[in-house]
Amino acid sequence: MAQTQHAKLSRRYWIKQVFIIVVVAALGVWGFYDGFYLYPKQAVRFAQWAEWEYLDFLRNPPAGAVGANLGVASIPDPEETFERLGEPGYTRSPETLEDYRGNWLDALAIVNHLEPQYTTYPRENAEEGTVGTAFERHEELQETWGQVDRGNAPKRRSRFDIMAQYPIFVVGIGLALYFGYGLARAVATRYRWDPDAKRITLPGGIDVTPEHVAEFDKSQWHKFYVLLHLTQDHPTHPGKTIKVDLYRHQPVEDWILEMERERFPEESQAARAEEASSGQDEASPPASETQRESGNP
């Protein structure tokens, strides 16, 4: 008596699924890293650069810059000032005090630091700790940015750059969970085969033998599915149609074909003969070509 056989997860299927999961998970991790760490960090560094430019302009004002000095560096009402300036975008070639001030406030707005604790001197906050006077702050930033020209300034990240990473993170991780769930379900799905009785046990514990199949519907065979139309005398599912997945597990397809040969031997023999005849016709050249090759007219 032959032992009961158990289907295994198709190698082609699980390799494909694992590859997809790794790719989309990597996409999600990339979005998380950029959106929650790298881009915000770059935005903070750019805000420091913009602050240094602002303080440097105040400490070393060009001729004609009336009222530009470190004494006016503090901005006690950053939100109102930003609105008064018209919420300016970044000015690549600042010239006036308002340009430099607007650039700094714009950079702070991107990192949600448009508050007095980040725009006054001296100040203290959780991110920066204790910051001294405007003169001391300029000296501190001068060590980092004093020798850096505008062409090598930190990369500016807009609010859109940061927010665009959130859906990438959500979609990537969401797809990874979706495909991971599908793979887990496939692993938990069981098919059994009794070679002696030609009986297949489908997921859910449904036993099907050849005599209980009225039709093997292969209309979805190209999609790796077969529909088993059961007879009315099936003990548990009379007259039901069961859709069997042939792709995720092996050798379920072979078992189905063996059941079909057992149930409809004449049709199976005719189908095999037709396939053999078709293969022979494709392998042999037309008669006219054979005659030409042998020299016959």
C-alpha atoms as a PDB file:
ATOM      1  CA  MET A   1       0.000   0.000   0.000  1.00  0.00           C
ATOM      2  CA  ALA A   2       1.473   3.294  -1.091  1.00  0.00           C
ATOM      3  CA  GLN A   3       1.922   6.004   1.481  1.00  0.00           C
ATOM      4  CA  THR A   4      -0.127   9.189   1.443  1.00  0.00           C
ATOM      5  CA  GLN A   5       1.718  11.970  -0.353  1.00  0.00           C
ATOM      6  CA  HIS A   6       1.734  15.641   0.662  1.00  0.00           C
ATOM      7  CA  ALA A   7       2.052  18.522  -1.756  1.00  0.00           C
ATOM      8  CA  LYS A   8       4.933  20.921  -1.296  1.00  0.00           C
ATOM      9  CA  LEU A   9       5.051  24.650  -1.894  1.00  0.00           C
ATOM     10  CA  SER A  10       6.074  25.321  -5.481  1.00  0.00           C
ATOM     11  CA  ARG A  11       9.682  26.466  -5.686  1.00  0.00           C
ATOM     12  CA  ARG A  12       8.814  28.835  -8.518  1.00  0.00           C
ATOM     13  CA  TYR A  13       6.017  30.367  -6.438  1.00  0.00           C
ATOM     14  CA  TRP A  14       7.813  30.902  -3.150  1.00  0.00           C
ATOM     15  CA  ILE A  15      10.981  32.278  -4.763  1.00  0.00           C
ATOM     16  CA  LYS A  16       8.868  34.773  -6.689  1.00  0.00           C
ATOM     17  CA  GLN A  17       6.917  35.751  -3.572  1.00  0.00           C
ATOM     18  CA  VAL A  18      10.019  36.159  -1.429  1.00  0.00           C
ATOM     19  CA  PHE A  19      11.628  38.306  -4.134  1.00  0.00           C
ATOM     20  CA  ILE A  20       8.557  40.552  -4.309  1.00  0.00           C
ATOM     21  CA  ILE A  21       8.371  40.829  -0.521  1.00  0.00           C
ATOM     22  CA  VAL A  22      12.045  41.797  -0.274  1.00  0.00           C
ATOM     23  CA  VAL A  23      11.717  44.413  -3.030  1.00  0.00           C
ATOM     24  CA  VAL A  24       8.588  46.123  -1.695  1.00  0.00           C
ATOM     25  CA  ALA A  25       9.808  45.914   1.913  1.00  0.00           C
ATOM     26  CA  ALA A  26      13.081  47.550   0.839  1.00  0.00           C
ATOM     27  CA  LEU A  27      11.035  50.274  -0.843  1.00  0.00           C
ATOM     28  CA  GLY A  28       9.102  50.822   2.384  1.00  0.00           C
ATOM     29  CA  VAL A  29      12.270  50.911   4.497  1.00  0.00           C
ATOM     30  CA  TRP A  30      13.798  53.360   2.023  1.00  0.00           C
ATOM     31  CA  GLY A  31      10.758  55.626   2.321  1.00  0.00           C
ATOM     32  CA  PHE A  32      10.861  55.372   6.120  1.00  0.00           C
ATOM     33  CA  TYR A  33      14.585  56.154   6.279  1.00  0.00           C
ATOM     34  CA  ASP A  34      14.313  59.135   3.940  1.00  0.00           C
ATOM     35  CA  GLY A  35      11.070  60.516   5.362  1.00  0.00           C
ATOM     36  CA  PHE A  36      11.757  60.091   9.058  1.00  0.00           C
ATOM     37  CA  TYR A  37      15.529  60.395   9.283  1.00  0.00           C
ATOM     38  CA  LEU A  38      17.620  61.461   6.290  1.00  0.00           C
ATOM     39  CA  TYR A  39      15.494  64.244   4.801  1.00  0.00           C
ATOM     40  CA  PRO A  40      14.582  65.827   8.167  1.00  0.00           C
ATOM     41  CA  LYS A  41      18.257  65.691   9.142  1.00  0.00           C
ATOM     42  CA  GLN A  42      19.222  67.393   5.875  1.00  0.00           C
ATOM     43  CA  ALA A  43      16.512  69.993   6.442  1.00  0.00           C
ATOM     44  CA  VAL A  44      17.871  70.754   9.926  1.00  0.00           C
ATOM     45  CA  ARG A  45      21.402  71.132   8.552  1.00  0.00           C
ATOM     46  CA  PHE A  46      20.103  73.476   5.862  1.00  0.00           C
ATOM     47  CA  ALA A  47      18.316  75.502   8.547  1.00  0.00           C
ATOM     48  CA  GLN A  48      21.655  75.862  10.341  1.00  0.00           C
ATOM     49  CA  TRP A  49      23.245  76.995   7.084  1.00  0.00           C
ATOM     50  CA  ALA A  50      20.474  79.536   6.518  1.00  0.00           C
ATOM     51  CA  GLU A  51      20.871  80.779  10.098  1.00  0.00           C
ATOM     52  CA  TRP A  52      24.607  81.182   9.586  1.00  0.00           C
ATOM     53  CA  GLU A  53      24.023  83.142   6.364  1.00  0.00           C
ATOM     54  CA  TYR A  54      21.531  85.360   8.207  1.00  0.00           C
ATOM     55  CA  LEU A  55      23.870  86.025  11.136  1.00  0.00           C
ATOM     56  CA  ASP A  56      26.853  86.504   8.840  1.00  0.00           C
ATOM     57  CA  PHE A  57      24.931  89.127   6.895  1.00  0.00           C
ATOM     58  CA  LEU A  58      24.084  90.920  10.134  1.00  0.00           C
ATOM     59  CA  ARG A  59      27.647  90.777  11.430  1.00  0.00           C
ATOM     60  CA  ASN A  60      29.236  91.746   8.129  1.00  0.00           C
ATOM     61  CA  PRO A  61      26.586  93.851   6.404  1.00  0.00           C
ATOM     62  CA  PRO A  62      27.341  95.225   2.965  1.00  0.00           C
ATOM     63  CA  ALA A  63      27.375  98.953   2.349  1.00  0.00           C
ATOM     64  CA  GLY A  64      23.895 100.381   2.341  1.00  0.00           C
ATOM     65  CA  ALA A  65      22.343  97.667   4.542  1.00  0.00           C
ATOM     66  CA  VAL A  66      20.692 100.067   6.943  1.00  0.00           C
ATOM     67  CA  GLY A  67      19.908  98.607  10.365  1.00  0.00           C
ATOM     68  CA  ALA A  68      21.713  95.330   9.736  1.00  0.00           C
ATOM     69  CA  ASN A  69      23.494  94.285  12.945  1.00  0.00           C
ATOM     70  CA  LEU A  70      23.454  91.392  15.366  1.00  0.00           C
ATOM     71  CA  GLY A  71      21.290  93.405  17.734  1.00  0.00           C
ATOM     72  CA  VAL A  72      18.245  92.729  15.550  1.00  0.00           C
ATOM     73  CA  ALA A  73      18.976  89.038  15.040  1.00  0.00           C
ATOM     74  CA  SER A  74      16.270  87.738  17.381  1.00  0.00           C
ATOM     75  CA  ILE A  75      12.835  87.123  15.894  1.00  0.00           C
ATOM     76  CA  PRO A  76      10.407  86.911  18.842  1.00  0.00           C
ATOM     77  CA  ASP A  77       7.370  86.371  16.607  1.00  0.00           C
ATOM     78  CA  PRO A  78       8.584  84.018  13.836  1.00  0.00           C
ATOM     79  CA  GLU A  79       5.153  82.952  12.558  1.00  0.00           C
ATOM     80  CA  GLU A  80       3.883  86.528  12.270  1.00  0.00           C
ATOM     81  CA  THR A  81       7.137  87.641  10.661  1.00  0.00           C
ATOM     82  CA  PHE A  82       6.997  84.763   8.189  1.00  0.00           C
ATOM     83  CA  GLU A  83       3.427  85.683   7.249  1.00  0.00           C
ATOM     84  CA  ARG A  84       4.354  89.358   6.987  1.00  0.00           C
ATOM     85  CA  LEU A  85       7.116  88.469   4.566  1.00  0.00           C
ATOM     86  CA  GLY A  86       4.531  86.623   2.482  1.00  0.00           C
ATOM     87  CA  GLU A  87       5.775  83.137   3.416  1.00  0.00           C
ATOM     88  CA  PRO A  88       8.639  83.417   0.952  1.00  0.00           C
ATOM     89  CA  GLY A  89      10.252  80.433  -0.672  1.00  0.00           C
ATOM     90  CA  TYR A  90      14.002  80.058  -0.752  1.00  0.00           C
ATOM     91  CA  THR A  91      15.853  82.934  -2.407  1.00  0.00           C
ATOM     92  CA  ARG A  92      18.956  81.585  -4.121  1.00  0.00           C
ATOM     93  CA  SER A  93      20.636  84.985  -4.367  1.00  0.00           C
ATOM     94  CA  PRO A  94      19.652  86.903  -1.251  1.00  0.00           C
ATOM     95  CA  GLU A  95      20.573  90.571  -1.157  1.00  0.00           C
ATOM     96  CA  THR A  96      18.587  92.252   1.593  1.00  0.00           C
ATOM     97  CA  LEU A  97      18.042  91.583   5.262  1.00  0.00           C
ATOM     98  CA  GLU A  98      14.505  90.445   4.466  1.00  0.00           C
ATOM     99  CA  ASP A  99      15.870  87.916   1.963  1.00  0.00           C
ATOM    100  CA  TYR A 100      18.222  86.330   4.501  1.00  0.00           C
ATOM    101  CA  ARG A 101      15.616  86.417   7.240  1.00  0.00           C
ATOM    102  CA  GLY A 102      13.026  84.880   4.918  1.00  0.00           C
ATOM    103  CA  ASN A 103      15.406  82.085   3.926  1.00  0.00           C
ATOM    104  CA  TRP A 104      16.040  81.189   7.558  1.00  0.00           C
ATOM    105  CA  LEU A 105      12.359  81.250   8.501  1.00  0.00           C
ATOM    106  CA  ASP A 106      11.482  79.202   5.421  1.00  0.00           C
ATOM    107  CA  ALA A 107      14.039  76.559   6.437  1.00  0.00           C
ATOM    108  CA  LEU A 108      12.681  76.506  10.001  1.00  0.00           C
ATOM    109  CA  ALA A 109       9.109  76.164   8.740  1.00  0.00           C
ATOM    110  CA  ILE A 110      10.052  72.964   6.872  1.00  0.00           C
ATOM    111  CA  VAL A 111      11.276  71.316  10.092  1.00  0.00           C
ATOM    112  CA  ASN A 112       8.381  72.729  12.167  1.00  0.00           C
ATOM    113  CA  HIS A 113      10.669  74.973  14.214  1.00  0.00           C
ATOM    114  CA  LEU A 114       8.914  78.232  13.521  1.00  0.00           C
ATOM    115  CA  GLU A 115       8.795  79.077  17.234  1.00  0.00           C
ATOM    116  CA  PRO A 116      10.568  81.691  19.408  1.00  0.00           C
ATOM    117  CA  GLN A 117      12.630  79.016  21.144  1.00  0.00           C
ATOM    118  CA  TYR A 118      14.426  78.503  17.811  1.00  0.00           C
ATOM    119  CA  THR A 119      14.583  82.119  16.590  1.00  0.00           C
ATOM    120  CA  THR A 120      15.762  84.181  19.574  1.00  0.00           C
ATOM    121  CA  TYR A 121      19.126  84.803  21.235  1.00  0.00           C
ATOM    122  CA  PRO A 122      20.007  83.538  23.734  1.00  0.00           C
ATOM    123  CA  ARG A 123      17.709  80.505  23.674  1.00  0.00           C
ATOM    124  CA  GLU A 124      17.319  76.962  24.936  1.00  0.00           C
ATOM    125  CA  ASN A 125      15.456  74.010  23.444  1.00  0.00           C
ATOM    126  CA  ALA A 126      15.553  70.216  23.390  1.00  0.00           C
ATOM    127  CA  GLU A 127      17.244  69.868  19.993  1.00  0.00           C
ATOM    128  CA  GLU A 128      19.993  72.469  20.295  1.00  0.00           C
ATOM    129  CA  GLY A 129      20.434  72.727  24.035  1.00  0.00           C
ATOM    130  CA  THR A 130      21.599  76.119  25.244  1.00  0.00           C
ATOM    131  CA  VAL A 131      22.421  78.716  22.569  1.00  0.00           C
ATOM    132  CA  GLY A 132      24.216  81.918  23.564  1.00  0.00           C
ATOM    133  CA  THR A 133      24.019  85.376  22.097  1.00  0.00           C
ATOM    134  CA  ALA A 134      23.759  86.069  18.384  1.00  0.00           C
ATOM    135  CA  PHE A 135      27.498  86.813  18.335  1.00  0.00           C
ATOM    136  CA  GLU A 136      28.305  83.492  20.087  1.00  0.00           C
ATOM    137  CA  ARG A 137      25.962  81.591  17.794  1.00  0.00           C
ATOM    138  CA  HIS A 138      27.638  83.095  14.730  1.00  0.00           C
ATOM    139  CA  GLU A 139      31.057  82.097  16.067  1.00  0.00           C
ATOM    140  CA  GLU A 140      29.769  78.559  16.638  1.00  0.00           C
ATOM    141  CA  LEU A 141      28.256  78.218  13.163  1.00  0.00           C
ATOM    142  CA  GLN A 142      31.272  79.921  11.581  1.00  0.00           C
ATOM    143  CA  GLU A 143      33.416  76.934  12.514  1.00  0.00           C
ATOM    144  CA  THR A 144      31.120  74.611  10.546  1.00  0.00           C
ATOM    145  CA  TRP A 145      30.011  76.741   7.615  1.00  0.00           C
ATOM    146  CA  GLY A 146      32.523  79.558   7.378  1.00  0.00           C
ATOM    147  CA  GLN A 147      34.588  77.846   4.668  1.00  0.00           C
ATOM    148  CA  VAL A 148      31.635  76.431   2.740  1.00  0.00           C
ATOM    149  CA  ASP A 149      30.522  78.342  -0.328  1.00  0.00           C
ATOM    150  CA  ARG A 150      26.945  78.419  -1.558  1.00  0.00           C
ATOM    151  CA  GLY A 151      27.655  75.817  -4.233  1.00  0.00           C
ATOM    152  CA  ASN A 152      28.516  73.277  -1.523  1.00  0.00           C
ATOM    153  CA  ALA A 153      25.785  74.246   0.909  1.00  0.00           C
ATOM    154  CA  PRO A 154      23.656  71.498   2.480  1.00  0.00           C
ATOM    155  CA  LYS A 155      20.923  70.121   0.256  1.00  0.00           C
ATOM    156  CA  ARG A 156      17.647  71.916   0.739  1.00  0.00           C
ATOM    157  CA  ARG A 157      14.667  69.673   1.311  1.00  0.00           C
ATOM    158  CA  SER A 158      11.188  71.022   0.799  1.00  0.00           C
ATOM    159  CA  ARG A 159       8.210  69.960   2.867  1.00  0.00           C
ATOM    160  CA  PHE A 160       6.987  68.023  -0.182  1.00  0.00           C
ATOM    161  CA  ASP A 161      10.281  66.074  -0.357  1.00  0.00           C
ATOM    162  CA  ILE A 162       9.735  64.835   3.176  1.00  0.00           C
ATOM    163  CA  MET A 163       5.997  64.186   2.954  1.00  0.00           C
ATOM    164  CA  ALA A 164       6.363  62.327  -0.358  1.00  0.00           C
ATOM    165  CA  GLN A 165       8.288  59.605   1.482  1.00  0.00           C
ATOM    166  CA  TYR A 166       5.371  58.772   3.782  1.00  0.00           C
ATOM    167  CA  PRO A 167       3.168  57.143   1.093  1.00  0.00           C
ATOM    168  CA  ILE A 168       6.237  55.313  -0.236  1.00  0.00           C
ATOM    169  CA  PHE A 169       6.756  53.886   3.248  1.00  0.00           C
ATOM    170  CA  VAL A 170       3.077  52.985   3.693  1.00  0.00           C
ATOM    171  CA  VAL A 171       2.714  51.416   0.233  1.00  0.00           C
ATOM    172  CA  GLY A 172       5.971  49.479   0.465  1.00  0.00           C
ATOM    173  CA  ILE A 173       5.311  48.027   3.923  1.00  0.00           C
ATOM    174  CA  GLY A 174       1.635  47.475   3.083  1.00  0.00           C
ATOM    175  CA  LEU A 175       2.503  45.452  -0.018  1.00  0.00           C
ATOM    176  CA  ALA A 176       5.137  43.494   1.904  1.00  0.00           C
ATOM    177  CA  LEU A 177       2.529  42.558   4.523  1.00  0.00           C
ATOM    178  CA  TYR A 178       0.002  41.687   1.814  1.00  0.00           C
ATOM    179  CA  PHE A 179       2.336  39.368  -0.081  1.00  0.00           C
ATOM    180  CA  GLY A 180       3.721  37.993   3.183  1.00  0.00           C
ATOM    181  CA  TYR A 181       0.196  37.126   4.292  1.00  0.00           C
ATOM    182  CA  GLY A 182      -0.433  35.397   0.959  1.00  0.00           C
ATOM    183  CA  LEU A 183       2.753  33.381   1.327  1.00  0.00           C
ATOM    184  CA  ALA A 184       1.859  32.421   4.904  1.00  0.00           C
ATOM    185  CA  ARG A 185      -1.571  31.249   3.775  1.00  0.00           C
ATOM    186  CA  ALA A 186      -0.001  29.177   1.013  1.00  0.00           C
ATOM    187  CA  VAL A 187       2.386  27.575   3.502  1.00  0.00           C
ATOM    188  CA  ALA A 188      -0.557  26.685   5.757  1.00  0.00           C
ATOM    189  CA  THR A 189      -2.592  25.218   2.884  1.00  0.00           C
ATOM    190  CA  ARG A 190      -2.506  21.424   2.687  1.00  0.00           C
ATOM    191  CA  TYR A 191      -3.079  18.986  -0.203  1.00  0.00           C
ATOM    192  CA  ARG A 192      -2.853  15.204   0.265  1.00  0.00           C
ATOM    193  CA  TRP A 193      -2.873  12.396  -2.277  1.00  0.00           C
ATOM    194  CA  ASP A 194      -3.715   8.709  -1.856  1.00  0.00           C
ATOM    195  CA  PRO A 195      -2.130   6.935  -4.866  1.00  0.00           C
ATOM    196  CA  ASP A 196      -4.064   3.707  -4.354  1.00  0.00           C
ATOM    197  CA  ALA A 197      -7.520   5.288  -4.207  1.00  0.00           C
ATOM    198  CA  LYS A 198      -6.585   8.119  -6.581  1.00  0.00           C
ATOM    199  CA  ARG A 199      -8.052  10.377  -3.930  1.00  0.00           C
ATOM    200  CA  ILE A 200      -7.009  14.009  -3.421  1.00  0.00           C
ATOM    201  CA  THR A 201      -7.730  15.789  -0.155  1.00  0.00           C
ATOM    202  CA  LEU A 202      -8.225  19.497  -0.789  1.00  0.00           C
ATOM    203  CA  PRO A 203      -7.871  22.370   1.694  1.00  0.00           C
ATOM    204  CA  GLY A 204     -10.701  22.177   4.202  1.00  0.00           C
ATOM    205  CA  GLY A 205     -10.524  18.400   4.302  1.00  0.00           C
ATOM    206  CA  ILE A 206     -12.602  17.795   1.157  1.00  0.00           C
ATOM    207  CA  ASP A 207     -11.916  14.323  -0.250  1.00  0.00           C
ATOM    208  CA  VAL A 208     -12.413  13.890  -3.992  1.00  0.00           C
ATOM    209  CA  THR A 209     -12.025  10.685  -5.966  1.00  0.00           C
ATOM    210  CA  PRO A 210     -12.332  10.334  -9.766  1.00  0.00           C
ATOM    211  CA  GLU A 211     -15.812   8.809  -9.667  1.00  0.00           C
ATOM    212  CA  HIS A 212     -17.128  11.879  -7.835  1.00  0.00           C
ATOM    213  CA  VAL A 213     -15.994  14.315 -10.561  1.00  0.00           C
ATOM    214  CA  ALA A 214     -18.526  14.990 -13.289  1.00  0.00           C
ATOM    215  CA  GLU A 215     -16.217  17.302 -15.226  1.00  0.00           C
ATOM    216  CA  PHE A 216     -12.643  18.549 -15.075  1.00  0.00           C
ATOM    217  CA  ASP A 217     -13.221  22.110 -16.297  1.00  0.00           C
ATOM    218  CA  LYS A 218      -9.945  23.453 -17.738  1.00  0.00           C
ATOM    219  CA  SER A 219     -11.313  26.787 -18.930  1.00  0.00           C
ATOM    220  CA  GLN A 220      -8.934  28.503 -16.464  1.00  0.00           C
ATOM    221  CA  TRP A 221      -6.048  26.127 -16.963  1.00  0.00           C
ATOM    222  CA  HIS A 222      -3.946  28.930 -18.460  1.00  0.00           C
ATOM    223  CA  LYS A 223      -4.350  30.754 -15.130  1.00  0.00           C
ATOM    224  CA  PHE A 224      -3.226  27.649 -13.217  1.00  0.00           C
ATOM    225  CA  TYR A 225      -6.703  26.763 -11.990  1.00  0.00           C
ATOM    226  CA  VAL A 226      -9.006  23.813 -12.642  1.00  0.00           C
ATOM    227  CA  LEU A 227     -12.685  23.612 -11.731  1.00  0.00           C
ATOM    228  CA  LEU A 228     -13.888  20.297 -10.373  1.00  0.00           C
ATOM    229  CA  HIS A 229     -17.632  19.868 -10.970  1.00  0.00           C
ATOM    230  CA  LEU A 230     -18.631  17.241  -8.433  1.00  0.00           C
ATOM    231  CA  THR A 231     -21.379  14.698  -8.940  1.00  0.00           C
ATOM    232  CA  GLN A 232     -24.627  14.727  -7.000  1.00  0.00           C
ATOM    233  CA  ASP A 233     -23.585  11.649  -5.038  1.00  0.00           C
ATOM    234  CA  HIS A 234     -20.472  13.264  -3.504  1.00  0.00           C
ATOM    235  CA  PRO A 235     -20.709  12.536   0.236  1.00  0.00           C
ATOM    236  CA  THR A 236     -20.066  16.078   1.515  1.00  0.00           C
ATOM    237  CA  HIS A 237     -20.356  18.511  -1.408  1.00  0.00           C
ATOM    238  CA  PRO A 238     -22.912  17.120  -3.864  1.00  0.00           C
ATOM    239  CA  GLY A 239     -23.171  19.109  -7.087  1.00  0.00           C
ATOM    240  CA  LYS A 240     -20.640  21.686  -5.975  1.00  0.00           C
ATOM    241  CA  THR A 241     -17.874  23.235  -8.080  1.00  0.00           C
ATOM    242  CA  ILE A 242     -14.468  23.467  -6.416  1.00  0.00           C
ATOM    243  CA  LYS A 243     -11.692  25.681  -7.742  1.00  0.00           C
ATOM    244  CA  VAL A 244      -8.285  24.095  -7.344  1.00  0.00           C
ATOM    245  CA  ASP A 245      -5.073  26.114  -7.432  1.00  0.00           C
ATOM    246  CA  LEU A 246      -2.395  24.379  -9.499  1.00  0.00           C
ATOM    247  CA  TYR A 247       0.327  27.023  -9.167  1.00  0.00           C
ATOM    248  CA  ARG A 248       1.248  27.309  -5.512  1.00  0.00           C
ATOM    249  CA  HIS A 249       1.736  23.635  -4.704  1.00  0.00           C
ATOM    250  CA  GLN A 250       3.393  20.718  -6.426  1.00  0.00           C
ATOM    251  CA  PRO A 251       2.505  18.169  -7.735  1.00  0.00           C
ATOM    252  CA  VAL A 252      -1.223  19.002  -7.490  1.00  0.00           C
ATOM    253  CA  GLU A 253      -1.446  19.417 -11.272  1.00  0.00           C
ATOM    254  CA  ASP A 254      -0.091  15.899 -11.810  1.00  0.00           C
ATOM    255  CA  TRP A 255      -2.605  14.475  -9.348  1.00  0.00           C
ATOM    256  CA  ILE A 256      -5.508  16.199 -11.126  1.00  0.00           C
ATOM    257  CA  LEU A 257      -4.366  14.858 -14.489  1.00  0.00           C
ATOM    258  CA  GLU A 258      -4.047  11.359 -13.066  1.00  0.00           C
ATOM    259  CA  MET A 259      -7.584  11.604 -11.685  1.00  0.00           C
ATOM    260  CA  GLU A 260      -8.820  12.745 -15.097  1.00  0.00           C
ATOM    261  CA  ARG A 261      -7.135   9.780 -16.808  1.00  0.00           C
ATOM    262  CA  GLU A 262      -8.774   7.476 -14.294  1.00  0.00           C
ATOM    263  CA  ARG A 263     -12.215   9.047 -14.698  1.00  0.00           C
ATOM    264  CA  PHE A 264     -12.191   9.550 -18.463  1.00  0.00           C
ATOM    265  CA  PRO A 265      -9.599   7.136 -19.932  1.00  0.00           C
ATOM    266  CA  GLU A 266     -10.928   7.378 -23.501  1.00  0.00           C
ATOM    267  CA  GLU A 267     -10.774  11.167 -23.569  1.00  0.00           C
ATOM    268  CA  SER A 268      -7.322  11.154 -22.015  1.00  0.00           C
ATOM    269  CA  GLN A 269      -5.999   8.688 -24.596  1.00  0.00           C
ATOM    270  CA  ALA A 270      -7.514  10.730 -27.438  1.00  0.00           C
ATOM    271  CA  ALA A 271      -5.976  13.919 -26.032  1.00  0.00           C
ATOM    272  CA  ARG A 272      -2.542  12.292 -25.741  1.00  0.00           C
ATOM    273  CA  ALA A 273      -2.787  10.939 -29.292  1.00  0.00           C
ATOM    274  CA  GLU A 274      -3.740  14.357 -30.577  1.00  0.00           C
ATOM    275  CA  GLU A 275      -0.801  15.970 -28.761  1.00  0.00           C
ATOM    276  CA  ALA A 276       1.576  13.323 -30.140  1.00  0.00           C
ATOM    277  CA  SER A 277       0.248  13.822 -33.649  1.00  0.00           C
ATOM    278  CA  SER A 278       0.571  17.590 -33.330  1.00  0.00           C
ATOM    279  CA  GLY A 279       4.135  17.293 -32.072  1.00  0.00           C
ATOM    280  CA  GLN A 280       5.067  14.961 -34.934  1.00  0.00           C
ATOM    281  CA  ASP A 281       3.601  17.330 -37.528  1.00  0.00           C
ATOM    282  CA  GLU A 282       5.620  20.218 -36.127  1.00  0.00           C
ATOM    283  CA  ALA A 283       8.812  18.158 -36.100  1.00  0.00           C
ATOM    284  CA  SER A 284       8.441  16.891 -39.720  1.00  0.00           C
ATOM    285  CA  PRO A 285       8.784  19.250 -42.705  1.00  0.00           C
ATOM    286  CA  PRO A 286       5.967  19.467 -45.257  1.00  0.00           C
ATOM    287  CA  ALA A 287       5.894  16.760 -47.937  1.00  0.00           C
ATOM    288  CA  SER A 288       6.827  19.192 -50.679  1.00  0.00           C
ATOM    289  CA  GLU A 289       9.936  20.262 -48.807  1.00  0.00           C
ATOM    290  CA  THR A 290      10.924  16.601 -48.243  1.00  0.00           C
ATOM    291  CA  GLN A 291      10.537  15.879 -51.920  1.00  0.00           C
ATOM    292  CA  ARG A 292      12.702  18.864 -52.829  1.00  0.00           C
ATOM    293  CA  GLU A 293      15.392  17.766 -50.392  1.00  0.00           C
ATOM    294  CA  SER A 294      15.454  14.222 -51.900  1.00  0.00           C
ATOM    295  CA  GLY A 295      15.523  15.538 -55.446  1.00  0.00           C
ATOM    296  CA  ASN A 296      12.060  14.204 -56.378  1.00  0.00           C
ATOM    297  CA  PRO A 297       9.834  16.498 -58.432  1.00  0.00           C
END
